[in-house]
């Protein structure tokens, strides 16, 4: 199922990017929010998927993590 991203917001504060958006799948819309911290040698991504996290099978969670790591290497 495709996910529609709505109401996207992002703001940098020093080396931390705070972001949020609403993720819509069929009739369900849930807020997603998090931060990305950029250090000299590390990038730390912290995401709260809200209700979407409970609905995602573990295989899809692993696929999302792999895609994000792939973007950073």
N, C-alpha and C. Protein backbone atom coordinates (compact mmCIF):
# COMPACT_ATOMS: atom_id res chain seq x y z
N UNK A 1 0.83 -1.19 0.00
CA UNK A 1 0.00 0.00 0.00
C UNK A 1 0.87 1.25 0.00
N UNK A 2 0.59 2.19 -0.86
CA UNK A 2 1.37 3.44 -0.86
C UNK A 2 1.02 4.31 0.35
N UNK A 3 2.02 5.05 0.81
CA UNK A 3 1.85 5.97 1.93
C UNK A 3 1.89 7.39 1.39
N UNK A 4 0.89 8.17 1.73
CA UNK A 4 0.85 9.58 1.33
C UNK A 4 1.41 10.42 2.47
N UNK A 5 2.35 11.31 2.16
CA UNK A 5 2.97 12.19 3.15
C UNK A 5 2.29 13.55 3.06
N UNK A 6 1.81 14.05 4.22
CA UNK A 6 1.11 15.35 4.26
C UNK A 6 1.66 16.17 5.42
N UNK A 7 1.51 17.48 5.33
CA UNK A 7 1.86 18.40 6.42
C UNK A 7 3.31 18.24 6.89
N UNK A 8 4.21 18.14 5.93
CA UNK A 8 5.63 17.95 6.26
C UNK A 8 6.23 19.21 6.86
N UNK A 9 6.98 19.05 7.96
CA UNK A 9 7.66 20.17 8.60
C UNK A 9 9.06 19.72 8.97
N UNK A 10 10.02 20.66 8.86
CA UNK A 10 11.38 20.37 9.30
C UNK A 10 12.07 21.66 9.71
N UNK A 11 12.94 21.52 10.70
CA UNK A 11 13.66 22.69 11.21
C UNK A 11 15.00 22.24 11.78
N UNK A 12 16.05 22.95 11.37
CA UNK A 12 17.39 22.69 11.90
C UNK A 12 17.62 23.53 13.14
N UNK A 13 18.23 22.93 14.15
CA UNK A 13 18.70 23.64 15.33
C UNK A 13 20.11 23.12 15.59
N UNK A 14 21.10 23.90 15.18
CA UNK A 14 22.50 23.51 15.25
C UNK A 14 22.69 22.26 14.38
N UNK A 15 23.06 21.12 14.96
CA UNK A 15 23.30 19.92 14.16
C UNK A 15 22.15 18.91 14.23
N UNK A 16 20.98 19.38 14.66
CA UNK A 16 19.82 18.48 14.81
C UNK A 16 18.68 18.94 13.91
N UNK A 17 18.22 18.03 13.07
CA UNK A 17 17.06 18.29 12.22
C UNK A 17 15.85 17.66 12.89
N UNK A 18 14.87 18.46 13.25
CA UNK A 18 13.60 17.95 13.78
C UNK A 18 12.61 17.92 12.62
N UNK A 19 11.88 16.83 12.49
CA UNK A 19 10.93 16.72 11.39
C UNK A 19 9.63 16.09 11.88
N UNK A 20 8.58 16.35 11.13
CA UNK A 20 7.29 15.71 11.41
C UNK A 20 6.46 15.74 10.14
N UNK A 21 5.55 14.80 10.05
CA UNK A 21 4.59 14.75 8.94
C UNK A 21 3.46 13.81 9.32
N UNK A 22 2.41 13.87 8.56
CA UNK A 22 1.29 12.94 8.72
C UNK A 22 1.40 11.90 7.61
N UNK A 23 1.37 10.63 7.99
CA UNK A 23 1.42 9.53 7.02
C UNK A 23 0.01 8.97 6.88
N UNK A 24 -0.46 8.91 5.64
CA UNK A 24 -1.81 8.41 5.39
C UNK A 24 -1.75 7.14 4.54
N UNK A 25 -2.38 6.09 5.05
CA UNK A 25 -2.51 4.83 4.33
C UNK A 25 -3.99 4.50 4.33
N UNK A 26 -4.57 4.42 3.16
CA UNK A 26 -6.02 4.24 2.98
C UNK A 26 -6.77 5.26 3.84
N UNK A 27 -7.53 4.82 4.84
CA UNK A 27 -8.30 5.76 5.67
C UNK A 27 -7.57 6.16 6.95
N UNK A 28 -6.42 5.54 7.23
CA UNK A 28 -5.69 5.80 8.46
C UNK A 28 -4.65 6.89 8.26
N UNK A 29 -4.67 7.90 9.12
CA UNK A 29 -3.65 8.95 9.13
C UNK A 29 -3.03 8.99 10.52
N UNK A 30 -1.69 8.97 10.57
CA UNK A 30 -1.00 9.01 11.86
C UNK A 30 0.19 9.94 11.78
N UNK A 31 0.47 10.67 12.85
CA UNK A 31 1.64 11.55 12.84
C UNK A 31 2.93 10.74 12.99
N UNK A 32 3.96 11.20 12.28
CA UNK A 32 5.30 10.63 12.39
C UNK A 32 6.22 11.80 12.73
N UNK A 33 7.11 11.60 13.71
CA UNK A 33 8.01 12.68 14.08
C UNK A 33 9.34 12.10 14.51
N UNK A 34 10.37 12.95 14.46
CA UNK A 34 11.67 12.46 14.87
C UNK A 34 12.74 13.51 14.72
N UNK A 35 13.96 13.05 14.95
CA UNK A 35 15.14 13.92 14.81
C UNK A 35 16.24 13.17 14.08
N UNK A 36 17.09 13.94 13.44
CA UNK A 36 18.31 13.43 12.84
C UNK A 36 19.45 14.28 13.39
N UNK A 37 20.35 13.65 14.11
CA UNK A 37 21.49 14.35 14.70
C UNK A 37 22.73 14.01 13.89
N UNK A 38 23.43 15.04 13.42
CA UNK A 38 24.61 14.86 12.60
C UNK A 38 25.83 15.26 13.43
N UNK A 39 26.73 14.30 13.64
CA UNK A 39 27.97 14.54 14.37
C UNK A 39 29.13 14.38 13.38
N UNK A 40 30.36 14.54 13.87
CA UNK A 40 31.52 14.43 13.00
C UNK A 40 31.61 13.08 12.30
N UNK A 41 31.33 12.01 13.03
CA UNK A 41 31.48 10.67 12.47
C UNK A 41 30.20 9.84 12.50
N UNK A 42 29.12 10.41 13.02
CA UNK A 42 27.89 9.64 13.19
C UNK A 42 26.68 10.42 12.72
N UNK A 43 25.66 9.68 12.34
CA UNK A 43 24.34 10.23 12.08
C UNK A 43 23.36 9.38 12.89
N UNK A 44 22.63 10.04 13.77
CA UNK A 44 21.69 9.33 14.64
C UNK A 44 20.28 9.70 14.21
N UNK A 45 19.49 8.71 13.87
CA UNK A 45 18.12 8.92 13.42
C UNK A 45 17.18 8.33 14.47
N UNK A 46 16.29 9.16 14.97
CA UNK A 46 15.30 8.73 15.97
C UNK A 46 13.92 9.08 15.42
N UNK A 47 13.11 8.05 15.19
CA UNK A 47 11.79 8.26 14.58
C UNK A 47 10.71 7.60 15.42
N UNK A 48 9.63 8.33 15.65
CA UNK A 48 8.43 7.79 16.29
C UNK A 48 7.39 7.64 15.19
N UNK A 49 7.11 6.40 14.78
CA UNK A 49 6.16 6.14 13.71
C UNK A 49 4.71 6.19 14.17
N UNK A 50 4.49 6.42 15.45
CA UNK A 50 3.13 6.48 15.95
C UNK A 50 2.42 5.16 15.75
N UNK A 51 1.16 5.23 15.42
CA UNK A 51 0.34 4.03 15.21
C UNK A 51 0.86 3.17 14.06
N UNK A 52 1.51 3.81 13.09
CA UNK A 52 2.03 3.10 11.92
C UNK A 52 3.00 2.00 12.35
N UNK A 53 3.75 2.23 13.42
CA UNK A 53 4.73 1.24 13.88
C UNK A 53 4.05 -0.07 14.29
N UNK A 54 2.90 0.02 14.90
CA UNK A 54 2.19 -1.18 15.35
C UNK A 54 1.61 -1.95 14.17
N UNK A 55 1.36 -1.26 13.08
CA UNK A 55 0.74 -1.91 11.92
C UNK A 55 1.76 -2.50 10.95
N UNK A 56 3.03 -2.05 11.04
CA UNK A 56 4.06 -2.54 10.12
C UNK A 56 4.58 -3.90 10.58
N UNK A 57 4.62 -4.87 9.68
CA UNK A 57 5.25 -6.13 10.03
C UNK A 57 6.75 -5.92 10.24
N UNK A 58 7.38 -6.78 11.02
CA UNK A 58 8.81 -6.61 11.31
C UNK A 58 9.66 -6.64 10.05
N UNK A 59 9.23 -7.37 9.02
CA UNK A 59 10.00 -7.41 7.77
C UNK A 59 10.01 -6.04 7.09
N UNK A 60 8.90 -5.31 7.16
CA UNK A 60 8.86 -3.97 6.57
C UNK A 60 9.67 -2.99 7.39
N UNK A 61 9.67 -3.13 8.71
CA UNK A 61 10.50 -2.28 9.57
C UNK A 61 11.97 -2.48 9.21
N UNK A 62 12.38 -3.73 9.03
CA UNK A 62 13.77 -4.03 8.67
C UNK A 62 14.10 -3.45 7.29
N UNK A 63 13.16 -3.51 6.36
CA UNK A 63 13.39 -2.97 5.02
C UNK A 63 13.56 -1.45 5.08
N UNK A 64 12.78 -0.77 5.91
CA UNK A 64 12.91 0.68 6.06
C UNK A 64 14.28 1.02 6.64
N UNK A 65 14.69 0.29 7.66
CA UNK A 65 16.00 0.53 8.28
C UNK A 65 17.12 0.32 7.27
N UNK A 66 17.03 -0.73 6.47
CA UNK A 66 18.05 -1.01 5.45
C UNK A 66 18.11 0.10 4.41
N UNK A 67 16.96 0.59 3.98
CA UNK A 67 16.93 1.67 2.97
C UNK A 67 17.56 2.94 3.51
N UNK A 68 17.26 3.26 4.77
CA UNK A 68 17.83 4.47 5.37
C UNK A 68 19.34 4.34 5.49
N UNK A 69 19.81 3.18 5.95
CA UNK A 69 21.26 2.97 6.05
C UNK A 69 21.91 3.07 4.67
N UNK A 70 21.23 2.56 3.65
CA UNK A 70 21.75 2.64 2.29
C UNK A 70 21.88 4.06 1.79
N UNK A 71 20.98 4.93 2.20
CA UNK A 71 21.04 6.33 1.80
C UNK A 71 22.23 7.05 2.44
N UNK A 72 22.68 6.55 3.58
CA UNK A 72 23.73 7.22 4.33
C UNK A 72 25.12 6.69 4.04
N UNK A 73 25.23 5.65 3.22
CA UNK A 73 26.56 5.10 2.94
C UNK A 73 26.99 5.38 1.51
